[in-house]
Amino acid sequence: MSSASALPVLHLDDDVVAVSKPAGLLVHRDEHHPDAPAALQTVRDQLGRRLYPFHRLDRPASGILMFGFSSAAAAALQAAMGSEQAVKEYFALMRWPGSHRELGDAWTCEQTLHTDDDRPQAAKTEFAMIERFRGSALVRCRIFTGRYHQIRRHANHCGRHILGDTTHGKGRMNQLFRDKYGLSRLFLHLHRVVFRWPPGGAPLEIVDPIPAELSSVLESLRRERVTACQPSPS
């Protein structure tokens, strides 16, 4: 993706901008990718304003990405999004083995996650199945903490890996979904956030629909399900 490609703006006010980040785009450049296109630089140039990041979104994931227009706004946004009342919901297409029926269609994972230097961190993710397919399911994931690769690692722990995840997923399933359904990226999308903004004010809801390359995978799975349910010709 070119650094000059504008990102869709989902919300804009005096203190914050929310955009739709595509999969594969960095949030900001780092020492490992000093010249790579990144959302911070793209939106800065797009709006002509300095930006302050305050939350992460995995490079292979897509969805809502927010920046503050000042360090104070970024700190206030971080506090608002860290509130227990804040909602951060992702859509994920997950492996759905029939052998894991004990988890049910809705479950919570609070498996402790460790940092690179082995420090334990409390983590909580709620999962709820939305739509079932053969061997997979569309799942709503709500996070209550913001740990590194939290949803992907919790999904791995539960044995319901996110499809397209080349770090924590299953290579054979990823290959199958690449070849059969055209899934060439991680199926993880930050779809909806709700938080009080400005602090103490009314709830602000921001929604980013599932992008076309993921919707097409779901449509293929739905067509396959319908075909499988049709009676065979006599």
Protein backbone atom coordinates (compact mmCIF):
# COMPACT_ATOMS: atom_id res chain seq x y z
CA MET A 1 0.00 0.00 0.00
CA SER A 2 1.35 3.43 -0.90
CA SER A 3 1.90 5.89 1.92
CA ALA A 4 -0.09 8.42 -0.16
CA SER A 5 -3.27 6.29 -0.15
CA ALA A 6 -5.87 8.03 2.00
CA LEU A 7 -7.57 5.98 4.71
CA PRO A 8 -11.35 6.16 5.20
CA VAL A 9 -12.23 8.47 8.11
CA LEU A 10 -14.83 6.93 10.45
CA HIS A 11 -14.96 9.75 13.01
CA LEU A 12 -13.40 13.19 13.31
CA ASP A 13 -13.68 15.86 15.99
CA ASP A 14 -11.41 18.47 17.55
CA ASP A 15 -9.49 15.90 19.62
CA VAL A 16 -9.60 12.54 17.84
CA VAL A 17 -9.70 10.92 14.45
CA ALA A 18 -10.73 7.32 13.78
CA VAL A 19 -9.83 5.66 10.48
CA SER A 20 -10.22 2.24 8.89
CA LYS A 21 -6.82 0.53 8.79
CA PRO A 22 -6.35 -2.12 6.11
CA ALA A 23 -4.57 -5.38 6.80
CA GLY A 24 -0.82 -5.22 6.25
CA LEU A 25 -0.40 -1.56 7.19
CA LEU A 26 1.74 -0.68 10.21
CA VAL A 27 0.28 1.65 12.84
CA HIS A 28 3.57 3.58 12.91
CA ARG A 29 7.10 3.01 11.70
CA ASP A 30 9.69 1.44 13.98
CA GLU A 31 13.35 0.47 13.91
CA HIS A 32 12.51 -2.72 12.01
CA HIS A 33 10.44 -0.92 9.34
CA PRO A 34 11.89 2.62 9.13
CA ASP A 35 10.67 3.28 5.59
CA ALA A 36 7.47 1.21 5.44
CA PRO A 37 4.07 2.85 4.82
CA ALA A 38 2.32 3.41 8.15
CA ALA A 39 -1.09 4.66 9.25
CA LEU A 40 0.24 7.45 11.48
CA GLN A 41 2.24 9.09 8.69
CA THR A 42 -0.54 8.49 6.13
CA VAL A 43 -3.27 10.10 8.24
CA ARG A 44 -0.94 12.90 9.36
CA ASP A 45 -0.32 13.83 5.74
CA GLN A 46 -3.98 13.29 4.87
CA LEU A 47 -5.24 15.72 7.54
CA GLY A 48 -2.19 17.97 7.81
CA ARG A 49 -2.10 17.61 11.60
CA ARG A 50 0.25 16.04 14.12
CA LEU A 51 -1.04 12.76 15.55
CA TYR A 52 -0.50 10.89 18.81
CA PRO A 53 -1.09 7.10 18.85
CA PHE A 54 -2.55 5.51 21.98
CA HIS A 55 -3.62 1.97 21.05
CA ARG A 56 -2.28 -0.88 18.93
CA LEU A 57 -3.77 -2.84 16.07
CA ASP A 58 -1.80 -5.81 14.76
CA ARG A 59 -0.28 -5.22 11.34
CA PRO A 60 -2.10 -8.19 9.74
CA ALA A 61 -5.43 -7.14 11.33
CA SER A 62 -7.81 -4.51 9.98
CA GLY A 63 -10.34 -2.17 11.49
CA ILE A 64 -10.76 0.89 13.66
CA LEU A 65 -7.61 2.82 14.47
CA MET A 66 -7.70 6.05 16.47
CA PHE A 67 -5.26 8.89 17.07
CA GLY A 68 -5.36 11.95 19.30
CA PHE A 69 -4.47 15.41 18.05
CA SER A 70 -2.52 16.16 21.24
CA SER A 71 -0.72 14.20 23.92
CA ALA A 72 -3.46 15.20 26.40
CA ALA A 73 -6.18 13.94 24.06
CA ALA A 74 -4.31 10.67 23.52
CA ALA A 75 -4.00 10.18 27.29
CA ALA A 76 -7.71 10.89 27.77
CA LEU A 77 -8.59 8.48 24.96
CA GLN A 78 -6.43 5.78 26.48
CA ALA A 79 -8.19 6.21 29.83
CA ALA A 80 -11.64 6.20 28.19
CA MET A 81 -10.87 3.05 26.19
CA GLY A 82 -9.40 1.41 29.31
CA SER A 83 -12.65 1.82 31.24
CA GLU A 84 -14.58 -1.34 32.14
CA GLN A 85 -17.59 0.16 30.35
CA ALA A 86 -15.71 0.61 27.06
CA VAL A 87 -16.51 -1.88 24.30
CA LYS A 88 -13.86 -3.20 21.86
CA GLU A 89 -15.33 -5.84 19.57
CA TYR A 90 -13.58 -7.74 16.81
CA PHE A 91 -14.86 -10.18 14.22
CA ALA A 92 -12.76 -13.30 13.70
CA LEU A 93 -13.19 -16.41 11.60
CA MET A 94 -12.10 -19.22 13.85
CA ARG A 95 -11.37 -22.89 13.48
CA TRP A 96 -14.33 -24.76 14.98
CA PRO A 97 -13.43 -28.39 15.75
CA GLY A 98 -16.33 -30.60 16.77
CA SER A 99 -14.20 -32.07 19.56
CA HIS A 100 -14.34 -28.81 21.58
CA ARG A 101 -18.04 -28.82 22.37
CA GLU A 102 -17.34 -28.23 26.08
CA LEU A 103 -16.51 -24.59 25.34
CA GLY A 104 -19.98 -23.98 23.93
CA ASP A 105 -20.94 -21.15 21.60
CA ALA A 106 -19.97 -18.41 24.07
CA TRP A 107 -17.07 -18.52 26.50
CA THR A 108 -14.52 -16.39 28.32
CA CYS A 109 -10.76 -16.90 28.32
CA GLU A 110 -8.69 -15.40 31.14
CA GLN A 111 -5.46 -17.24 30.43
CA THR A 112 -2.50 -15.22 31.73
CA LEU A 113 -0.26 -14.00 28.92
CA HIS A 114 3.47 -13.39 29.20
CA THR A 115 5.62 -10.65 27.74
CA ASP A 116 8.80 -11.33 25.77
CA ASP A 117 10.77 -11.09 29.02
CA ASP A 118 8.34 -13.55 30.67
CA ARG A 119 6.39 -11.09 32.82
CA PRO A 120 2.85 -12.40 33.47
CA GLN A 121 -0.05 -10.17 32.48
CA ALA A 122 -3.71 -10.66 33.31
CA ALA A 123 -5.87 -10.87 30.18
CA LYS A 124 -9.57 -11.34 29.45
CA THR A 125 -11.37 -12.04 26.18
CA GLU A 126 -15.02 -12.92 25.64
CA PHE A 127 -15.97 -14.98 22.59
CA ALA A 128 -19.45 -15.46 21.11
CA MET A 129 -20.22 -17.47 17.99
CA ILE A 130 -22.31 -15.54 15.44
CA GLU A 131 -22.48 -17.88 12.45
CA ARG A 132 -21.43 -21.51 12.07
CA PHE A 133 -19.90 -23.10 9.00
CA ARG A 134 -18.34 -26.46 8.32
CA GLY A 135 -15.16 -26.56 10.42
CA SER A 136 -15.20 -22.82 11.15
CA ALA A 137 -17.33 -20.07 12.66
CA LEU A 138 -17.62 -16.30 12.61
CA VAL A 139 -17.01 -15.16 16.19
CA ARG A 140 -17.42 -11.85 17.99
CA CYS A 141 -14.45 -11.22 20.30
CA ARG A 142 -14.56 -8.60 23.03
CA ILE A 143 -11.34 -7.70 24.82
CA PHE A 144 -11.16 -6.23 28.31
CA THR A 145 -7.37 -5.90 28.35
CA GLY A 146 -4.97 -4.92 25.59
CA ARG A 147 -2.19 -7.48 25.59
CA TYR A 148 0.08 -8.24 22.65
CA HIS A 149 -1.72 -10.58 20.19
CA GLN A 150 -4.30 -11.15 22.93
CA ILE A 151 -7.19 -12.50 20.85
CA ARG A 152 -4.90 -14.60 18.69
CA ARG A 153 -3.12 -16.12 21.69
CA HIS A 154 -6.35 -16.77 23.62
CA ALA A 155 -7.89 -18.38 20.52
CA ASN A 156 -4.81 -20.60 20.25
CA HIS A 157 -5.09 -21.53 23.94
CA CYS A 158 -8.72 -22.58 23.41
CA GLY A 159 -7.91 -24.66 20.33
CA ARG A 160 -10.08 -22.45 18.10
CA HIS A 161 -7.34 -20.73 16.15
CA ILE A 162 -8.04 -17.68 13.99
CA LEU A 163 -7.86 -18.55 10.33
CA GLY A 164 -5.09 -16.85 8.40
CA ASP A 165 -2.96 -16.48 11.54
CA THR A 166 0.55 -17.49 10.47
CA THR A 167 1.99 -16.94 13.98
CA HIS A 168 -0.50 -18.61 16.35
CA GLY A 169 -2.70 -20.55 13.92
CA LYS A 170 -2.67 -23.86 12.08
CA GLY A 171 -0.72 -23.94 8.82
CA ARG A 172 -2.76 -26.70 7.20
CA MET A 173 -6.06 -24.93 7.87
CA ASN A 174 -4.63 -21.62 6.68
CA GLN A 175 -3.54 -23.28 3.44
CA LEU A 176 -6.97 -24.86 2.96
CA PHE A 177 -8.76 -21.54 3.41
CA ARG A 178 -6.25 -19.82 1.12
CA ASP A 179 -6.76 -22.34 -1.66
CA LYS A 180 -10.49 -22.96 -1.31
CA TYR A 181 -11.89 -19.61 -0.14
CA GLY A 182 -9.22 -17.08 -1.12
CA LEU A 183 -8.38 -16.08 2.45
CA SER A 184 -4.92 -14.58 2.02
CA ARG A 185 -4.75 -12.61 5.30
CA LEU A 186 -5.55 -12.86 8.99
CA PHE A 187 -9.34 -12.90 9.51
CA LEU A 188 -9.38 -10.46 12.42
CA HIS A 189 -11.15 -7.09 12.18
CA LEU A 190 -11.81 -4.47 14.87
CA HIS A 191 -15.43 -3.81 14.00
CA ARG A 192 -16.87 -1.70 16.83
CA VAL A 193 -15.76 0.49 19.72
CA VAL A 194 -17.94 2.30 22.22
CA PHE A 195 -16.59 4.66 24.88
CA ARG A 196 -17.58 7.89 26.62
CA TRP A 197 -16.25 10.87 24.72
CA PRO A 198 -15.41 13.45 25.80
CA PRO A 199 -14.63 11.87 29.20
CA GLY A 200 -17.81 11.77 31.26
CA GLY A 201 -19.91 12.57 28.20
CA ALA A 202 -22.30 10.47 26.14
CA PRO A 203 -21.19 7.14 24.66
CA LEU A 204 -19.53 7.44 21.25
CA GLU A 205 -19.94 4.44 18.95
CA ILE A 206 -17.63 3.89 15.97
CA VAL A 207 -18.27 1.04 13.54
CA ASP A 208 -16.13 -0.25 10.67
CA PRO A 209 -17.86 -2.87 8.46
CA ILE A 210 -16.07 -6.08 7.53
CA PRO A 211 -13.91 -5.34 4.45
CA ALA A 212 -14.69 -6.83 1.06
CA GLU A 213 -11.86 -9.39 1.05
CA LEU A 214 -13.24 -10.92 4.26
CA SER A 215 -16.92 -10.61 3.28
CA SER A 216 -16.18 -12.59 0.10
CA VAL A 217 -14.81 -15.45 2.23
CA LEU A 218 -18.00 -15.48 4.31
CA GLU A 219 -20.16 -15.46 1.17
CA SER A 220 -18.27 -18.48 -0.17
CA LEU A 221 -18.79 -20.31 3.11
CA ARG A 222 -22.51 -19.46 3.08
CA ARG A 223 -22.93 -20.71 -0.48
CA GLU A 224 -21.17 -23.92 0.45
CA ARG A 225 -23.45 -24.37 3.47
CA VAL A 226 -26.59 -23.87 1.36
CA THR A 227 -25.36 -26.35 -1.24
CA ALA A 228 -24.59 -28.92 1.44
CA CYS A 229 -28.12 -28.60 2.85
CA GLN A 230 -29.86 -29.08 -0.50
CA PRO A 231 -31.29 -32.57 -1.06
CA SER A 232 -29.56 -34.76 -3.59
CA PRO A 233 -31.45 -35.32 -6.86
CA SER A 234 -33.38 -38.56 -6.84
